[in-house]
Amino acid sequence: MALCPLCNGLRKIKVLCSECSTEMDDKGKSMDYDDEYSAYMDTDTLKQNDGFMRSLADGQCPHLMKCPSCGHDEIILVKE
């Protein structure tokens, strides 16, 4: 199991909103929002069904980014 630098507070990331250019907030792993129990499940197991075909094989952690100004959200893949 790889280590995500964002999930573990080792690094911050700056992503600008594609709609209004405001800096977006990192809302954590996108898989945590799938259902009420996903935050407690094994990350590698969740990656097998996260909708990103190679996130597990390529060591990428999908993070939900949300714009505090316009509400736009998007998912970015962070290298573990």
N, C-alpha and C. Protein backbone atom coordinates (compact mmCIF):
# COMPACT_ATOMS: atom_id res chain seq x y z
N MET A 1 0.84 -1.17 0.00
CA MET A 1 0.00 0.00 0.00
C MET A 1 0.88 1.24 0.00
N ALA A 2 0.61 2.14 -0.92
CA ALA A 2 1.38 3.37 -1.06
C ALA A 2 0.88 4.43 -0.07
N LEU A 3 1.63 5.50 0.03
CA LEU A 3 1.32 6.57 0.97
C LEU A 3 0.99 7.85 0.20
N CYS A 4 -0.22 8.35 0.37
CA CYS A 4 -0.60 9.60 -0.29
C CYS A 4 -0.10 10.78 0.53
N PRO A 5 0.68 11.69 -0.07
CA PRO A 5 1.21 12.81 0.68
C PRO A 5 0.13 13.80 1.13
N LEU A 6 -0.97 13.89 0.42
CA LEU A 6 -2.06 14.79 0.84
C LEU A 6 -2.85 14.20 1.99
N CYS A 7 -3.21 12.92 1.87
CA CYS A 7 -3.97 12.26 2.93
C CYS A 7 -3.23 12.26 4.26
N ASN A 8 -1.91 12.21 4.18
CA ASN A 8 -1.09 12.11 5.39
C ASN A 8 -0.47 13.44 5.82
N GLY A 9 -0.90 14.53 5.21
CA GLY A 9 -0.46 15.86 5.63
C GLY A 9 1.01 16.16 5.35
N LEU A 10 1.62 15.45 4.42
CA LEU A 10 3.03 15.67 4.10
C LEU A 10 3.23 16.76 3.07
N ARG A 11 2.17 17.07 2.34
CA ARG A 11 2.26 18.06 1.27
C ARG A 11 0.90 18.70 1.07
N LYS A 12 0.91 19.92 0.59
CA LYS A 12 -0.32 20.60 0.18
C LYS A 12 -0.25 20.79 -1.32
N ILE A 13 -1.39 20.97 -1.93
CA ILE A 13 -1.44 21.15 -3.37
C ILE A 13 -2.25 22.39 -3.69
N LYS A 14 -1.85 23.10 -4.72
CA LYS A 14 -2.56 24.30 -5.15
C LYS A 14 -3.18 24.01 -6.51
N VAL A 15 -4.50 23.98 -6.55
CA VAL A 15 -5.24 23.75 -7.78
C VAL A 15 -6.19 24.93 -7.96
N LEU A 16 -6.15 25.54 -9.14
CA LEU A 16 -7.04 26.66 -9.43
C LEU A 16 -8.29 26.16 -10.12
N CYS A 17 -9.42 26.74 -9.76
CA CYS A 17 -10.71 26.38 -10.34
C CYS A 17 -10.71 26.72 -11.83
N SER A 18 -11.18 25.77 -12.62
CA SER A 18 -11.24 25.99 -14.07
C SER A 18 -12.38 26.94 -14.46
N GLU A 19 -13.27 27.21 -13.53
CA GLU A 19 -14.41 28.09 -13.81
C GLU A 19 -14.13 29.55 -13.43
N CYS A 20 -13.49 29.77 -12.25
CA CYS A 20 -13.32 31.15 -11.77
C CYS A 20 -11.90 31.49 -11.33
N SER A 21 -10.97 30.54 -11.40
CA SER A 21 -9.55 30.71 -11.07
C SER A 21 -9.27 30.93 -9.58
N THR A 22 -10.22 30.63 -8.72
CA THR A 22 -10.00 30.69 -7.28
C THR A 22 -9.28 29.41 -6.85
N GLU A 23 -8.43 29.51 -5.82
CA GLU A 23 -7.76 28.31 -5.32
C GLU A 23 -8.79 27.37 -4.70
N MET A 24 -8.73 26.10 -5.10
CA MET A 24 -9.70 25.11 -4.64
C MET A 24 -9.26 24.48 -3.32
N ASP A 25 -10.24 23.99 -2.56
CA ASP A 25 -9.98 23.31 -1.29
C ASP A 25 -9.93 21.80 -1.53
N ASP A 26 -8.97 21.15 -0.88
CA ASP A 26 -8.87 19.69 -0.93
C ASP A 26 -9.86 19.12 0.07
N LYS A 27 -10.81 18.33 -0.40
CA LYS A 27 -11.84 17.75 0.46
C LYS A 27 -11.54 16.29 0.79
N GLY A 28 -10.34 15.81 0.45
CA GLY A 28 -9.94 14.45 0.79
C GLY A 28 -10.19 13.46 -0.33
N LYS A 29 -10.02 12.19 0.00
CA LYS A 29 -10.18 11.12 -0.98
C LYS A 29 -11.60 11.12 -1.51
N SER A 30 -11.74 11.04 -2.82
CA SER A 30 -13.08 11.03 -3.42
C SER A 30 -13.86 9.79 -2.99
N MET A 31 -13.17 8.69 -2.70
CA MET A 31 -13.83 7.44 -2.32
C MET A 31 -14.54 7.56 -0.97
N ASP A 32 -14.11 8.50 -0.13
CA ASP A 32 -14.75 8.68 1.17
C ASP A 32 -16.20 9.15 1.04
N TYR A 33 -16.57 9.66 -0.13
CA TYR A 33 -17.91 10.18 -0.34
C TYR A 33 -18.82 9.17 -1.04
N ASP A 34 -18.33 7.98 -1.34
CA ASP A 34 -19.12 7.00 -2.08
C ASP A 34 -20.32 6.49 -1.28
N ASP A 35 -20.10 6.14 -0.04
CA ASP A 35 -21.20 5.72 0.83
C ASP A 35 -20.78 5.93 2.28
N GLU A 36 -21.67 5.64 3.21
CA GLU A 36 -21.40 5.97 4.61
C GLU A 36 -20.30 5.14 5.26
N TYR A 37 -19.91 4.02 4.66
CA TYR A 37 -18.87 3.18 5.25
C TYR A 37 -17.53 3.25 4.53
N SER A 38 -17.48 3.88 3.38
CA SER A 38 -16.25 3.85 2.57
C SER A 38 -15.06 4.51 3.27
N ALA A 39 -15.28 5.47 4.13
CA ALA A 39 -14.16 6.11 4.84
C ALA A 39 -13.45 5.13 5.78
N TYR A 40 -14.11 4.03 6.11
CA TYR A 40 -13.54 3.05 7.04
C TYR A 40 -13.00 1.81 6.34
N MET A 41 -13.11 1.76 5.02
CA MET A 41 -12.67 0.59 4.27
C MET A 41 -11.22 0.75 3.79
N ASP A 42 -10.61 -0.37 3.43
CA ASP A 42 -9.24 -0.38 2.91
C ASP A 42 -9.16 0.40 1.60
N THR A 43 -8.22 1.32 1.50
CA THR A 43 -8.08 2.18 0.33
C THR A 43 -7.81 1.39 -0.95
N ASP A 44 -6.93 0.40 -0.88
CA ASP A 44 -6.62 -0.38 -2.09
C ASP A 44 -7.85 -1.13 -2.60
N THR A 45 -8.68 -1.62 -1.71
CA THR A 45 -9.91 -2.29 -2.12
C THR A 45 -10.85 -1.30 -2.80
N LEU A 46 -10.98 -0.11 -2.24
CA LEU A 46 -11.84 0.91 -2.83
C LEU A 46 -11.34 1.35 -4.21
N LYS A 47 -10.03 1.39 -4.39
CA LYS A 47 -9.46 1.81 -5.67
C LYS A 47 -9.81 0.85 -6.81
N GLN A 48 -10.12 -0.38 -6.48
CA GLN A 48 -10.49 -1.34 -7.51
C GLN A 48 -11.83 -0.98 -8.16
N ASN A 49 -12.62 -0.14 -7.48
CA ASN A 49 -13.94 0.23 -7.97
C ASN A 49 -14.18 1.73 -7.96
N ASP A 50 -13.12 2.53 -8.05
CA ASP A 50 -13.28 3.99 -7.90
C ASP A 50 -13.60 4.71 -9.22
N GLY A 51 -13.63 3.98 -10.33
CA GLY A 51 -13.93 4.60 -11.62
C GLY A 51 -12.70 5.07 -12.37
N PHE A 52 -11.53 4.97 -11.76
CA PHE A 52 -10.27 5.34 -12.41
C PHE A 52 -9.52 4.03 -12.65
N MET A 53 -9.45 3.64 -13.89
CA MET A 53 -8.98 2.31 -14.26
C MET A 53 -7.60 1.95 -13.71
N ARG A 54 -6.71 2.90 -13.59
CA ARG A 54 -5.33 2.57 -13.22
C ARG A 54 -4.88 3.22 -11.91
N SER A 55 -5.80 3.71 -11.09
CA SER A 55 -5.39 4.40 -9.86
C SER A 55 -4.61 3.47 -8.93
N LEU A 56 -5.01 2.22 -8.82
CA LEU A 56 -4.29 1.29 -7.95
C LEU A 56 -2.95 0.90 -8.57
N ALA A 57 -2.96 0.51 -9.83
CA ALA A 57 -1.73 0.07 -10.50
C ALA A 57 -0.70 1.19 -10.62
N ASP A 58 -1.17 2.42 -10.85
CA ASP A 58 -0.25 3.55 -11.04
C ASP A 58 0.05 4.31 -9.74
N GLY A 59 -0.49 3.85 -8.62
CA GLY A 59 -0.22 4.50 -7.34
C GLY A 59 -0.75 5.92 -7.28
N GLN A 60 -2.01 6.11 -7.62
CA GLN A 60 -2.62 7.44 -7.62
C GLN A 60 -3.79 7.46 -6.65
N CYS A 61 -3.93 8.56 -5.93
CA CYS A 61 -5.01 8.73 -4.97
C CYS A 61 -5.96 9.81 -5.50
N PRO A 62 -7.21 9.47 -5.81
CA PRO A 62 -8.17 10.45 -6.31
C PRO A 62 -8.65 11.37 -5.18
N HIS A 63 -8.46 12.67 -5.37
CA HIS A 63 -8.88 13.66 -4.37
C HIS A 63 -9.94 14.57 -4.94
N LEU A 64 -10.94 14.86 -4.12
CA LEU A 64 -12.01 15.79 -4.49
C LEU A 64 -11.56 17.20 -4.16
N MET A 65 -11.57 18.07 -5.15
CA MET A 65 -11.23 19.48 -4.97
C MET A 65 -12.51 20.28 -5.19
N LYS A 66 -12.78 21.24 -4.30
CA LYS A 66 -14.00 22.04 -4.39
C LYS A 66 -13.66 23.52 -4.29
N CYS A 67 -14.27 24.31 -5.16
CA CYS A 67 -14.05 25.75 -5.17
C CYS A 67 -14.94 26.42 -4.13
N PRO A 68 -14.35 27.19 -3.22
CA PRO A 68 -15.14 27.86 -2.20
C PRO A 68 -15.96 29.04 -2.75
N SER A 69 -15.60 29.53 -3.93
CA SER A 69 -16.29 30.68 -4.50
C SER A 69 -17.49 30.30 -5.34
N CYS A 70 -17.30 29.41 -6.32
CA CYS A 70 -18.38 29.10 -7.25
C CYS A 70 -18.99 27.72 -7.03
N GLY A 71 -18.36 26.89 -6.19
CA GLY A 71 -18.91 25.57 -5.89
C GLY A 71 -18.52 24.48 -6.87
N HIS A 72 -17.75 24.82 -7.90
CA HIS A 72 -17.30 23.82 -8.88
C HIS A 72 -16.43 22.79 -8.16
N ASP A 73 -16.58 21.52 -8.54
CA ASP A 73 -15.70 20.49 -7.98
C ASP A 73 -15.14 19.62 -9.09
N GLU A 74 -14.00 19.05 -8.81
CA GLU A 74 -13.35 18.14 -9.75
C GLU A 74 -12.45 17.20 -8.97
N ILE A 75 -12.11 16.10 -9.61
CA ILE A 75 -11.24 15.11 -8.99
C ILE A 75 -9.88 15.16 -9.66
N ILE A 76 -8.84 15.21 -8.84
CA ILE A 76 -7.47 15.16 -9.35
C ILE A 76 -6.83 13.87 -8.84
N LEU A 77 -5.87 13.36 -9.58
CA LEU A 77 -5.15 12.16 -9.18
C LEU A 77 -3.78 12.57 -8.65
N VAL A 78 -3.50 12.20 -7.41
CA VAL A 78 -2.27 12.57 -6.73
C VAL A 78 -1.34 11.36 -6.69
N LYS A 79 -0.10 11.54 -7.10
CA LYS A 79 0.89 10.45 -7.09
C LYS A 79 1.24 10.10 -5.65
N GLU A 80 1.14 8.81 -5.34
CA GLU A 80 1.48 8.33 -4.00
C GLU A 80 2.96 8.03 -3.90
